[in-house]
Amino acid sequence: MDREALELERWRVALMSELGSPDVGVSTRALLAMTWDDPDREGVEGVLLDCLSPDTDPQIRALAVTCMGHVGRIHRAASVVVVRRLEQLVDDPALGGVAEDALGDIADFAGEGLK
């Protein structure tokens, strides 16, 4: 593993640790950093999907949905799994509006980039 790959892996480990923090502010900053800066779209999508579990803080869940739209915009692609999960959330009272926004971002920026 070259130096850059090793640094990226250390960064990811640190962010995953911060994501598990009981401090929602720390967790949200970690989730945003991963969304904006991690080049591994599929890996980020997996983390975001994991953040949708019912036992996750509601603020983190909502941010994870928003970040799914950001990932679609940044990478100009989104997985079919993410799109299907967002579609399932459209009727959710807490996350429906955010899910619609994320789906809009994916449609606008990823378009044909569904993978």
PDB file of N, CA and C in Angstrom:
ATOM      1  N   MET A   1       0.847  -1.174   0.000  1.00  0.00           N
ATOM      2  CA  MET A   1       0.000   0.000   0.000  1.00  0.00           C
ATOM      3  C   MET A   1       0.895   1.240   0.000  1.00  0.00           C
ATOM      4  N   ASP A   2       0.624   2.152  -0.928  1.00  0.00           N
ATOM      5  CA  ASP A   2       1.448   3.363  -0.982  1.00  0.00           C
ATOM      6  C   ASP A   2       1.039   4.335   0.125  1.00  0.00           C
ATOM      7  N   ARG A   3       1.842   5.367   0.272  1.00  0.00           N
ATOM      8  CA  ARG A   3       1.644   6.319   1.374  1.00  0.00           C
ATOM      9  C   ARG A   3       0.273   7.001   1.306  1.00  0.00           C
ATOM     10  N   GLU A   4      -0.135   7.415   0.117  1.00  0.00           N
ATOM     11  CA  GLU A   4      -1.415   8.099  -0.037  1.00  0.00           C
ATOM     12  C   GLU A   4      -2.582   7.174   0.337  1.00  0.00           C
ATOM     13  N   ALA A   5      -2.524   5.937  -0.090  1.00  0.00           N
ATOM     14  CA  ALA A   5      -3.578   4.976   0.244  1.00  0.00           C
ATOM     15  C   ALA A   5      -3.615   4.700   1.742  1.00  0.00           C
ATOM     16  N   LEU A   6      -2.451   4.628   2.356  1.00  0.00           N
ATOM     17  CA  LEU A   6      -2.376   4.403   3.796  1.00  0.00           C
ATOM     18  C   LEU A   6      -2.972   5.592   4.562  1.00  0.00           C
ATOM     19  N   GLU A   7      -2.668   6.806   4.134  1.00  0.00           N
ATOM     20  CA  GLU A   7      -3.228   7.992   4.772  1.00  0.00           C
ATOM     21  C   GLU A   7      -4.749   8.041   4.607  1.00  0.00           C
ATOM     22  N   LEU A   8      -5.229   7.674   3.430  1.00  0.00           N
ATOM     23  CA  LEU A   8      -6.669   7.648   3.186  1.00  0.00           C
ATOM     24  C   LEU A   8      -7.348   6.639   4.105  1.00  0.00           C
ATOM     25  N   GLU A   9      -6.743   5.492   4.263  1.00  0.00           N
ATOM     26  CA  GLU A   9      -7.324   4.468   5.136  1.00  0.00           C
ATOM     27  C   GLU A   9      -7.332   4.933   6.597  1.00  0.00           C
ATOM     28  N   ARG A  10      -6.276   5.567   7.043  1.00  0.00           N
ATOM     29  CA  ARG A  10      -6.235   6.102   8.414  1.00  0.00           C
ATOM     30  C   ARG A  10      -7.309   7.172   8.613  1.00  0.00           C
ATOM     31  N   TRP A  11      -7.476   8.015   7.610  1.00  0.00           N
ATOM     32  CA  TRP A  11      -8.495   9.060   7.656  1.00  0.00           C
ATOM     33  C   TRP A  11      -9.885   8.441   7.779  1.00  0.00           C
ATOM     34  N   ARG A  12     -10.136   7.401   6.985  1.00  0.00           N
ATOM     35  CA  ARG A  12     -11.436   6.724   7.041  1.00  0.00           C
ATOM     36  C   ARG A  12     -11.683   6.101   8.409  1.00  0.00           C
ATOM     37  N   VAL A  13     -10.674   5.476   8.969  1.00  0.00           N
ATOM     38  CA  VAL A  13     -10.807   4.862  10.296  1.00  0.00           C
ATOM     39  C   VAL A  13     -11.133   5.937  11.334  1.00  0.00           C
ATOM     40  N   ALA A  14     -10.464   7.074  11.250  1.00  0.00           N
ATOM     41  CA  ALA A  14     -10.724   8.164  12.193  1.00  0.00           C
ATOM     42  C   ALA A  14     -12.150   8.688  12.030  1.00  0.00           C
ATOM     43  N   LEU A  15     -12.598   8.845  10.795  1.00  0.00           N
ATOM     44  CA  LEU A  15     -13.962   9.330  10.570  1.00  0.00           C
ATOM     45  C   LEU A  15     -14.998   8.330  11.077  1.00  0.00           C
ATOM     46  N   MET A  16     -14.760   7.056  10.870  1.00  0.00           N
ATOM     47  CA  MET A  16     -15.705   6.050  11.356  1.00  0.00           C
ATOM     48  C   MET A  16     -15.769   6.077  12.877  1.00  0.00           C
ATOM     49  N   SER A  17     -14.652   6.316  13.519  1.00  0.00           N
ATOM     50  CA  SER A  17     -14.644   6.435  14.972  1.00  0.00           C
ATOM     51  C   SER A  17     -15.454   7.659  15.400  1.00  0.00           C
ATOM     52  N   GLU A  18     -15.263   8.775  14.707  1.00  0.00           N
ATOM     53  CA  GLU A  18     -16.000   9.997  15.024  1.00  0.00           C
ATOM     54  C   GLU A  18     -17.491   9.830  14.742  1.00  0.00           C
ATOM     55  N   LEU A  19     -17.817   9.074  13.727  1.00  0.00           N
ATOM     56  CA  LEU A  19     -19.219   8.838  13.389  1.00  0.00           C
ATOM     57  C   LEU A  19     -19.945   8.114  14.529  1.00  0.00           C
ATOM     58  N   GLY A  20     -19.216   7.322  15.277  1.00  0.00           N
ATOM     59  CA  GLY A  20     -19.791   6.615  16.415  1.00  0.00           C
ATOM     60  C   GLY A  20     -19.809   7.422  17.694  1.00  0.00           C
ATOM     61  N   SER A  21     -19.409   8.668  17.624  1.00  0.00           N
ATOM     62  CA  SER A  21     -19.351   9.520  18.816  1.00  0.00           C
ATOM     63  C   SER A  21     -20.756   9.794  19.359  1.00  0.00           C
ATOM     64  N   PRO A  22     -20.886   9.875  20.674  1.00  0.00           N
ATOM     65  CA  PRO A  22     -22.179  10.265  21.246  1.00  0.00           C
ATOM     66  C   PRO A  22     -22.502  11.749  21.011  1.00  0.00           C
ATOM     67  N   ASP A  23     -21.502  12.536  20.626  1.00  0.00           N
ATOM     68  CA  ASP A  23     -21.687  13.951  20.318  1.00  0.00           C
ATOM     69  C   ASP A  23     -22.168  14.077  18.866  1.00  0.00           C
ATOM     70  N   VAL A  24     -23.414  14.477  18.691  1.00  0.00           N
ATOM     71  CA  VAL A  24     -24.000  14.552  17.346  1.00  0.00           C
ATOM     72  C   VAL A  24     -23.212  15.511  16.453  1.00  0.00           C
ATOM     73  N   GLY A  25     -22.681  16.582  17.002  1.00  0.00           N
ATOM     74  CA  GLY A  25     -21.886  17.520  16.221  1.00  0.00           C
ATOM     75  C   GLY A  25     -20.650  16.869  15.624  1.00  0.00           C
ATOM     76  N   VAL A  26     -19.980  16.051  16.423  1.00  0.00           N
ATOM     77  CA  VAL A  26     -18.796  15.327  15.936  1.00  0.00           C
ATOM     78  C   VAL A  26     -19.202  14.348  14.843  1.00  0.00           C
ATOM     79  N   SER A  27     -20.295  13.644  15.083  1.00  0.00           N
ATOM     80  CA  SER A  27     -20.769  12.648  14.107  1.00  0.00           C
ATOM     81  C   SER A  27     -21.171  13.298  12.788  1.00  0.00           C
ATOM     82  N   THR A  28     -21.872  14.422  12.867  1.00  0.00           N
ATOM     83  CA  THR A  28     -22.303  15.066  11.620  1.00  0.00           C
ATOM     84  C   THR A  28     -21.122  15.604  10.828  1.00  0.00           C
ATOM     85  N   ARG A  29     -20.143  16.167  11.515  1.00  0.00           N
ATOM     86  CA  ARG A  29     -18.941  16.648  10.799  1.00  0.00           C
ATOM     87  C   ARG A  29     -18.218  15.492  10.112  1.00  0.00           C
ATOM     88  N   ALA A  30     -18.152  14.348  10.777  1.00  0.00           N
ATOM     89  CA  ALA A  30     -17.490  13.178  10.179  1.00  0.00           C
ATOM     90  C   ALA A  30     -18.260  12.700   8.953  1.00  0.00           C
ATOM     91  N   LEU A  31     -19.580  12.663   9.061  1.00  0.00           N
ATOM     92  CA  LEU A  31     -20.397  12.200   7.942  1.00  0.00           C
ATOM     93  C   LEU A  31     -20.273  13.145   6.746  1.00  0.00           C
ATOM     94  N   LEU A  32     -20.263  14.426   7.009  1.00  0.00           N
ATOM     95  CA  LEU A  32     -20.094  15.393   5.922  1.00  0.00           C
ATOM     96  C   LEU A  32     -18.708  15.304   5.293  1.00  0.00           C
ATOM     97  N   ALA A  33     -17.680  15.157   6.112  1.00  0.00           N
ATOM     98  CA  ALA A  33     -16.319  15.040   5.580  1.00  0.00           C
ATOM     99  C   ALA A  33     -16.201  13.821   4.678  1.00  0.00           C
ATOM    100  N   MET A  34     -16.763  12.713   5.125  1.00  0.00           N
ATOM    101  CA  MET A  34     -16.710  11.496   4.318  1.00  0.00           C
ATOM    102  C   MET A  34     -17.466  11.694   3.005  1.00  0.00           C
ATOM    103  N   THR A  35     -18.634  12.302   3.087  1.00  0.00           N
ATOM    104  CA  THR A  35     -19.453  12.522   1.895  1.00  0.00           C
ATOM    105  C   THR A  35     -18.733  13.392   0.886  1.00  0.00           C
ATOM    106  N   TRP A  36     -18.158  14.482   1.346  1.00  0.00           N
ATOM    107  CA  TRP A  36     -17.534  15.435   0.435  1.00  0.00           C
ATOM    108  C   TRP A  36     -16.164  14.989  -0.069  1.00  0.00           C
ATOM    109  N   ASP A  37     -15.405  14.270   0.758  1.00  0.00           N
ATOM    110  CA  ASP A  37     -13.992  14.076   0.446  1.00  0.00           C
ATOM    111  C   ASP A  37     -13.543  12.646   0.153  1.00  0.00           C
ATOM    112  N   ASP A  38     -14.376  11.655   0.426  1.00  0.00           N
ATOM    113  CA  ASP A  38     -13.941  10.280   0.170  1.00  0.00           C
ATOM    114  C   ASP A  38     -14.211   9.926  -1.290  1.00  0.00           C
ATOM    115  N   PRO A  39     -13.191   9.503  -2.025  1.00  0.00           N
ATOM    116  CA  PRO A  39     -13.385   9.187  -3.439  1.00  0.00           C
ATOM    117  C   PRO A  39     -14.129   7.870  -3.692  1.00  0.00           C
ATOM    118  N   ASP A  40     -14.334   7.068  -2.660  1.00  0.00           N
ATOM    119  CA  ASP A  40     -14.982   5.764  -2.818  1.00  0.00           C
ATOM    120  C   ASP A  40     -16.501   5.910  -2.662  1.00  0.00           C
ATOM    121  N   ARG A  41     -17.173   6.215  -3.765  1.00  0.00           N
ATOM    122  CA  ARG A  41     -18.616   6.434  -3.733  1.00  0.00           C
ATOM    123  C   ARG A  41     -19.362   5.258  -3.123  1.00  0.00           C
ATOM    124  N   GLU A  42     -19.052   4.065  -3.548  1.00  0.00           N
ATOM    125  CA  GLU A  42     -19.770   2.891  -3.050  1.00  0.00           C
ATOM    126  C   GLU A  42     -19.557   2.694  -1.552  1.00  0.00           C
ATOM    127  N   GLY A  43     -18.337   2.950  -1.092  1.00  0.00           N
ATOM    128  CA  GLY A  43     -18.063   2.832   0.333  1.00  0.00           C
ATOM    129  C   GLY A  43     -18.841   3.857   1.136  1.00  0.00           C
ATOM    130  N   VAL A  44     -18.895   5.085   0.644  1.00  0.00           N
ATOM    131  CA  VAL A  44     -19.650   6.138   1.327  1.00  0.00           C
ATOM    132  C   VAL A  44     -21.134   5.789   1.337  1.00  0.00           C
ATOM    133  N   GLU A  45     -21.641   5.327   0.213  1.00  0.00           N
ATOM    134  CA  GLU A  45     -23.052   4.932   0.170  1.00  0.00           C
ATOM    135  C   GLU A  45     -23.362   3.858   1.204  1.00  0.00           C
ATOM    136  N   GLY A  46     -22.459   2.910   1.382  1.00  0.00           N
ATOM    137  CA  GLY A  46     -22.664   1.870   2.387  1.00  0.00           C
ATOM    138  C   GLY A  46     -22.754   2.446   3.791  1.00  0.00           C
ATOM    139  N   VAL A  47     -21.896   3.387   4.101  1.00  0.00           N
ATOM    140  CA  VAL A  47     -21.926   4.037   5.416  1.00  0.00           C
ATOM    141  C   VAL A  47     -23.236   4.797   5.583  1.00  0.00           C
ATOM    142  N   LEU A  48     -23.634   5.524   4.543  1.00  0.00           N
ATOM    143  CA  LEU A  48     -24.874   6.299   4.621  1.00  0.00           C
ATOM    144  C   LEU A  48     -26.083   5.387   4.820  1.00  0.00           C
ATOM    145  N   LEU A  49     -26.111   4.283   4.117  1.00  0.00           N
ATOM    146  CA  LEU A  49     -27.213   3.332   4.286  1.00  0.00           C
ATOM    147  C   LEU A  49     -27.228   2.771   5.709  1.00  0.00           C
ATOM    148  N   ASP A  50     -26.058   2.488   6.251  1.00  0.00           N
ATOM    149  CA  ASP A  50     -25.981   1.996   7.636  1.00  0.00           C
ATOM    150  C   ASP A  50     -26.524   3.023   8.626  1.00  0.00           C
ATOM    151  N   CYS A  51     -26.367   4.291   8.307  1.00  0.00           N
ATOM    152  CA  CYS A  51     -26.832   5.362   9.197  1.00  0.00           C
ATOM    153  C   CYS A  51     -28.357   5.477   9.233  1.00  0.00           C
ATOM    154  N   LEU A  52     -29.044   4.742   8.402  1.00  0.00           N
ATOM    155  CA  LEU A  52     -30.501   4.812   8.367  1.00  0.00           C
ATOM    156  C   LEU A  52     -31.170   3.837   9.326  1.00  0.00           C
ATOM    157  N   SER A  53     -30.399   3.111  10.099  1.00  0.00           N
ATOM    158  CA  SER A  53     -31.008   2.164  11.042  1.00  0.00           C
ATOM    159  C   SER A  53     -31.850   2.934  12.058  1.00  0.00           C
ATOM    160  N   PRO A  54     -32.948   2.344  12.498  1.00  0.00           N
ATOM    161  CA  PRO A  54     -33.864   3.042  13.410  1.00  0.00           C
ATOM    162  C   PRO A  54     -33.235   3.470  14.735  1.00  0.00           C
ATOM    163  N   ASP A  55     -32.172   2.814  15.149  1.00  0.00           N
ATOM    164  CA  ASP A  55     -31.548   3.170  16.418  1.00  0.00           C
ATOM    165  C   ASP A  55     -30.523   4.303  16.292  1.00  0.00           C
ATOM    166  N   THR A  56     -30.346   4.834  15.082  1.00  0.00           N
ATOM    167  CA  THR A  56     -29.430   5.949  14.853  1.00  0.00           C
ATOM    168  C   THR A  56     -30.135   7.261  15.204  1.00  0.00           C
ATOM    169  N   ASP A  57     -29.389   8.208  15.746  1.00  0.00           N
ATOM    170  CA  ASP A  57     -29.920   9.519  16.093  1.00  0.00           C
ATOM    171  C   ASP A  57     -30.685  10.106  14.895  1.00  0.00           C
ATOM    172  N   PRO A  58     -31.857  10.685  15.126  1.00  0.00           N
ATOM    173  CA  PRO A  58     -32.651  11.234  14.023  1.00  0.00           C
ATOM    174  C   PRO A  58     -31.923  12.293  13.188  1.00  0.00           C
ATOM    175  N   GLN A  59     -31.063  13.089  13.809  1.00  0.00           N
ATOM    176  CA  GLN A  59     -30.307  14.093  13.054  1.00  0.00           C
ATOM    177  C   GLN A  59     -29.316  13.436  12.101  1.00  0.00           C
ATOM    178  N   ILE A  60     -28.701  12.361  12.565  1.00  0.00           N
ATOM    179  CA  ILE A  60     -27.746  11.633  11.722  1.00  0.00           C
ATOM    180  C   ILE A  60     -28.487  10.950  10.581  1.00  0.00           C
ATOM    181  N   ARG A  61     -29.645  10.370  10.881  1.00  0.00           N
ATOM    182  CA  ARG A  61     -30.452   9.728   9.828  1.00  0.00           C
ATOM    183  C   ARG A  61     -30.812  10.742   8.747  1.00  0.00           C
ATOM    184  N   ALA A  62     -31.293  11.909   9.149  1.00  0.00           N
ATOM    185  CA  ALA A  62     -31.683  12.938   8.181  1.00  0.00           C
ATOM    186  C   ALA A  62     -30.478  13.415   7.371  1.00  0.00           C
ATOM    187  N   LEU A  63     -29.352  13.608   8.030  1.00  0.00           N
ATOM    188  CA  LEU A  63     -28.148  14.037   7.318  1.00  0.00           C
ATOM    189  C   LEU A  63     -27.682  12.955   6.352  1.00  0.00           C
ATOM    190  N   ALA A  64     -27.781  11.700   6.738  1.00  0.00           N
ATOM    191  CA  ALA A  64     -27.388  10.605   5.841  1.00  0.00           C
ATOM    192  C   ALA A  64     -28.217  10.639   4.563  1.00  0.00           C
ATOM    193  N   VAL A  65     -29.513  10.913   4.685  1.00  0.00           N
ATOM    194  CA  VAL A  65     -30.367  11.004   3.502  1.00  0.00           C
ATOM    195  C   VAL A  65     -29.931  12.179   2.630  1.00  0.00           C
ATOM    196  N   THR A  66     -29.703  13.326   3.234  1.00  0.00           N
ATOM    197  CA  THR A  66     -29.218  14.490   2.490  1.00  0.00           C
ATOM    198  C   THR A  66     -27.903  14.177   1.786  1.00  0.00           C
ATOM    199  N   CYS A  67     -27.022  13.498   2.496  1.00  0.00           N
ATOM    200  CA  CYS A  67     -25.707  13.169   1.935  1.00  0.00           C
ATOM    201  C   CYS A  67     -25.808  12.218   0.743  1.00  0.00           C
ATOM    202  N   MET A  68     -26.845  11.401   0.708  1.00  0.00           N
ATOM    203  CA  MET A  68     -27.037  10.538  -0.466  1.00  0.00           C
ATOM    204  C   MET A  68     -27.233  11.379  -1.715  1.00  0.00           C
ATOM    205  N   GLY A  69     -27.960  12.478  -1.583  1.00  0.00           N
ATOM    206  CA  GLY A  69     -28.097  13.394  -2.711  1.00  0.00           C
ATOM    207  C   GLY A  69     -26.784  14.068  -3.050  1.00  0.00           C
ATOM    208  N   HIS A  70     -26.016  14.455  -2.019  1.00  0.00           N
ATOM    209  CA  HIS A  70     -24.704  15.064  -2.256  1.00  0.00           C
ATOM    210  C   HIS A  70     -23.782  14.102  -3.010  1.00  0.00           C
ATOM    211  N   VAL A  71     -23.796  12.842  -2.612  1.00  0.00           N
ATOM    212  CA  VAL A  71     -22.941  11.843  -3.274  1.00  0.00           C
ATOM    213  C   VAL A  71     -23.324  11.727  -4.751  1.00  0.00           C
ATOM    214  N   GLY A  72     -24.621  11.707  -5.028  1.00  0.00           N
ATOM    215  CA  GLY A  72     -25.058  11.651  -6.423  1.00  0.00           C
ATOM    216  C   GLY A  72     -24.585  12.852  -7.223  1.00  0.00           C
ATOM    217  N   ARG A  73     -24.607  14.009  -6.582  1.00  0.00           N
ATOM    218  CA  ARG A  73     -24.157  15.237  -7.252  1.00  0.00           C
ATOM    219  C   ARG A  73     -22.644  15.237  -7.449  1.00  0.00           C
ATOM    220  N   ILE A  74     -21.918  14.897  -6.405  1.00  0.00           N
ATOM    221  CA  ILE A  74     -20.456  14.942  -6.453  1.00  0.00           C
ATOM    222  C   ILE A  74     -19.889  13.926  -7.447  1.00  0.00           C
ATOM    223  N   HIS A  75     -20.404  12.709  -7.396  1.00  0.00           N
ATOM    224  CA  HIS A  75     -19.851  11.630  -8.219  1.00  0.00           C
ATOM    225  C   HIS A  75     -20.595  11.444  -9.540  1.00  0.00           C
ATOM    226  N   ARG A  76     -21.705  12.174  -9.683  1.00  0.00           N
ATOM    227  CA  ARG A  76     -22.537  12.037 -10.882  1.00  0.00           C
ATOM    228  C   ARG A  76     -22.978  10.592 -11.086  1.00  0.00           C
ATOM    229  N   ALA A  77     -23.191   9.911  -9.954  1.00  0.00           N
ATOM    230  CA  ALA A  77     -23.630   8.518  -9.985  1.00  0.00           C
ATOM    231  C   ALA A  77     -24.247   8.176  -8.635  1.00  0.00           C
ATOM    232  N   ALA A  78     -25.102   7.167  -8.655  1.00  0.00           N
ATOM    233  CA  ALA A  78     -25.694   6.653  -7.419  1.00  0.00           C
ATOM    234  C   ALA A  78     -26.060   5.205  -7.650  1.00  0.00           C
ATOM    235  N   SER A  79     -25.985   4.415  -6.600  1.00  0.00           N
ATOM    236  CA  SER A  79     -26.347   3.009  -6.741  1.00  0.00           C
ATOM    237  C   SER A  79     -27.857   2.859  -6.763  1.00  0.00           C
ATOM    238  N   VAL A  80     -28.300   1.819  -7.408  1.00  0.00           N
ATOM    239  CA  VAL A  80     -29.724   1.500  -7.440  1.00  0.00           C
ATOM    240  C   VAL A  80     -30.223   1.237  -6.027  1.00  0.00           C
ATOM    241  N   VAL A  81     -29.385   0.661  -5.184  1.00  0.00           N
ATOM    242  CA  VAL A  81     -29.768   0.385  -3.798  1.00  0.00           C
ATOM    243  C   VAL A  81     -30.096   1.682  -3.066  1.00  0.00           C
ATOM    244  N   VAL A  82     -29.286   2.707  -3.252  1.00  0.00           N
ATOM    245  CA  VAL A  82     -29.532   4.005  -2.614  1.00  0.00           C
ATOM    246  C   VAL A  82     -30.844   4.600  -3.129  1.00  0.00           C
ATOM    247  N   VAL A  83     -31.044   4.581  -4.433  1.00  0.00           N
ATOM    248  CA  VAL A  83     -32.269   5.149  -5.000  1.00  0.00           C
ATOM    249  C   VAL A  83     -33.491   4.413  -4.466  1.00  0.00           C
ATOM    250  N   ARG A  84     -33.445   3.102  -4.433  1.00  0.00           N
ATOM    251  CA  ARG A  84     -34.587   2.318  -3.923  1.00  0.00           C
ATOM    252  C   ARG A  84     -34.859   2.647  -2.450  1.00  0.00           C
ATOM    253  N   ARG A  85     -33.799   2.782  -1.665  1.00  0.00           N
ATOM    254  CA  ARG A  85     -33.978   3.094  -0.237  1.00  0.00           C
ATOM    255  C   ARG A  85     -34.576   4.482  -0.071  1.00  0.00           C
ATOM    256  N   LEU A  86     -34.130   5.440  -0.856  1.00  0.00           N
ATOM    257  CA  LEU A  86     -34.700   6.782  -0.804  1.00  0.00           C
ATOM    258  C   LEU A  86     -36.176   6.756  -1.207  1.00  0.00           C
ATOM    259  N   GLU A  87     -36.497   5.991  -2.225  1.00  0.00           N
ATOM    260  CA  GLU A  87     -37.895   5.871  -2.644  1.00  0.00           C
ATOM    261  C   GLU A  87     -38.758   5.298  -1.516  1.00  0.00           C
ATOM    262  N   GLN A  88     -38.207   4.363  -0.757  1.00  0.00           N
ATOM    263  CA  GLN A  88     -38.943   3.792   0.376  1.00  0.00           C
ATOM    264  C   GLN A  88     -39.184   4.826   1.472  1.00  0.00           C
ATOM    265  N   LEU A  89     -38.298   5.804   1.566  1.00  0.00           N
ATOM    266  CA  LEU A  89     -38.391   6.808   2.630  1.00  0.00           C
ATOM    267  C   LEU A  89     -39.307   7.984   2.294  1.00  0.00           C
ATOM    268  N   VAL A  90     -39.762   8.088   1.060  1.00  0.00           N
ATOM    269  CA  VAL A  90     -40.566   9.238   0.646  1.00  0.00           C
ATOM    270  C   VAL A  90     -41.821   9.389   1.512  1.00  0.00           C
ATOM    271  N   ASP A  91     -42.402   8.301   1.953  1.00  0.00           N
ATOM    272  CA  ASP A  91     -43.614   8.377   2.779  1.00  0.00           C
ATOM    273  C   ASP A  91     -43.321   8.457   4.273  1.00  0.00           C
ATOM    274  N   ASP A  92     -42.050   8.451   4.647  1.00  0.00           N
ATOM    275  CA  ASP A  92     -41.676   8.542   6.059  1.00  0.00           C
ATOM    276  C   ASP A  92     -41.962   9.957   6.560  1.00  0.00           C
ATOM    277  N   PRO A  93     -42.700  10.101   7.667  1.00  0.00           N
ATOM    278  CA  PRO A  93     -43.045  11.438   8.157  1.00  0.00           C
ATOM    279  C   PRO A  93     -41.833  12.307   8.503  1.00  0.00           C
ATOM    280  N   ALA A  94     -40.778  11.701   8.982  1.00  0.00           N
ATOM    281  CA  ALA A  94     -39.598  12.469   9.391  1.00  0.00           C
ATOM    282  C   ALA A  94     -38.624  12.697   8.246  1.00  0.00           C
ATOM    283  N   LEU A  95     -38.522  11.750   7.337  1.00  0.00           N
ATOM    284  CA  LEU A  95     -37.469  11.809   6.320  1.00  0.00           C
ATOM    285  C   LEU A  95     -37.985  11.987   4.892  1.00  0.00           C
ATOM    286  N   GLY A  96     -39.294  11.985   4.707  1.00  0.00           N
ATOM    287  CA  GLY A  96     -39.862  12.020   3.365  1.00  0.00           C
ATOM    288  C   GLY A  96     -39.425  13.202   2.525  1.00  0.00           C
ATOM    289  N   GLY A  97     -39.496  14.404   3.079  1.00  0.00           N
ATOM    290  CA  GLY A  97     -39.102  15.593   2.325  1.00  0.00           C
ATOM    291  C   GLY A  97     -37.631  15.596   1.967  1.00  0.00           C
ATOM    292  N   VAL A  98     -36.812  15.157   2.903  1.00  0.00           N
ATOM    293  CA  VAL A  98     -35.365  15.099   2.670  1.00  0.00           C
ATOM    294  C   VAL A  98     -35.064  14.041   1.607  1.00  0.00           C
ATOM    295  N   ALA A  99     -35.792  12.927   1.655  1.00  0.00           N
ATOM    296  CA  ALA A  99     -35.597  11.866   0.660  1.00  0.00           C
ATOM    297  C   ALA A  99     -35.980  12.360  -0.735  1.00  0.00           C
ATOM    298  N   GLU A 100     -37.068  13.119  -0.814  1.00  0.00           N
ATOM    299  CA  GLU A 100     -37.464  13.679  -2.119  1.00  0.00           C
ATOM    300  C   GLU A 100     -36.379  14.614  -2.657  1.00  0.00           C
ATOM    301  N   ASP A 101     -35.815  15.443  -1.790  1.00  0.00           N
ATOM    302  CA  ASP A 101     -34.737  16.343  -2.209  1.00  0.00           C
ATOM    303  C   ASP A 101     -33.527  15.557  -2.709  1.00  0.00           C
ATOM    304  N   ALA A 102     -33.159  14.508  -1.982  1.00  0.00           N
ATOM    305  CA  ALA A 102     -32.010  13.691  -2.383  1.00  0.00           C
ATOM    306  C   ALA A 102     -32.270  13.010  -3.720  1.00  0.00           C
ATOM    307  N   LEU A 103     -33.476  12.496  -3.903  1.00  0.00           N
ATOM    308  CA  LEU A 103     -33.826  11.878  -5.185  1.00  0.00           C
ATOM    309  C   LEU A 103     -33.760  12.911  -6.308  1.00  0.00           C
ATOM    310  N   GLY A 104     -34.172  14.138  -6.027  1.00  0.00           N
ATOM    311  CA  GLY A 104     -34.077  15.198  -7.027  1.00  0.00           C
ATOM    312  C   GLY A 104     -32.644  15.498  -7.408  1.00  0.00           C
ATOM    313  N   ASP A 105     -31.773  15.563  -6.413  1.00  0.00           N
ATOM    314  CA  ASP A 105     -30.345  15.792  -6.699  1.00  0.00           C
ATOM    315  C   ASP A 105     -29.781  14.665  -7.551  1.00  0.00           C
ATOM    316  N   ILE A 106     -30.117  13.449  -7.196  1.00  0.00           N
ATOM    317  CA  ILE A 106     -29.608  12.298  -7.965  1.00  0.00           C
ATOM    318  C   ILE A 106     -30.130  12.353  -9.398  1.00  0.00           C
ATOM    319  N   ALA A 107     -31.420  12.648  -9.561  1.00  0.00           N
ATOM    320  CA  ALA A 107     -31.985  12.732 -10.915  1.00  0.00           C
ATOM    321  C   ALA A 107     -31.339  13.857 -11.710  1.00  0.00           C
ATOM    322  N   ASP A 108     -31.109  15.002 -11.065  1.00  0.00           N
ATOM    323  CA  ASP A 108     -30.535  16.158 -11.760  1.00  0.00           C
ATOM    324  C   ASP A 108     -29.062  15.968 -12.122  1.00  0.00           C
ATOM    325  N   PHE A 109     -28.300  15.355 -11.219  1.00  0.00           N
ATOM    326  CA  PHE A 109     -26.846  15.311 -11.402  1.00  0.00           C
ATOM    327  C   PHE A 109     -26.308  13.949 -11.816  1.00  0.00           C
ATOM    328  N   ALA A 110     -26.982  12.890 -11.414  1.00  0.00           N
ATOM    329  CA  ALA A 110     -26.494  11.551 -11.776  1.00  0.00           C
ATOM    330  C   ALA A 110     -27.162  11.065 -13.053  1.00  0.00           C
ATOM    331  N   GLY A 111     -28.434  11.426 -13.213  1.00  0.00           N
ATOM    332  CA  GLY A 111     -29.152  11.062 -14.426  1.00  0.00           C
ATOM    333  C   GLY A 111     -28.978   9.613 -14.803  1.00  0.00           C
ATOM    334  N   GLU A 112     -28.192   9.398 -15.815  1.00  0.00           N
ATOM    335  CA  GLU A 112     -27.948   8.043 -16.324  1.00  0.00           C
ATOM    336  C   GLU A 112     -26.880   7.309 -15.508  1.00  0.00           C
ATOM    337  N   GLY A 113     -26.394   7.938 -14.453  1.00  0.00           N
ATOM    338  CA  GLY A 113     -25.300   7.357 -13.678  1.00  0.00           C
ATOM    339  C   GLY A 113     -25.737   6.394 -12.596  1.00  0.00           C
ATOM    340  N   LEU A 114     -26.915   5.788 -12.743  1.00  0.00           N
ATOM    341  CA  LEU A 114     -27.334   4.796 -11.753  1.00  0.00           C
ATOM    342  C   LEU A 114     -26.536   3.520 -11.970  1.00  0.00           C
ATOM    343  N   LYS A 115     -25.981   3.019 -10.891  1.00  0.00           N
ATOM    344  CA  LYS A 115     -25.105   1.841 -11.006  1.00  0.00           C
ATOM    345  C   LYS A 115     -25.604   0.744 -10.107  1.00  0.00           C
TER     346      LYS A 115
END
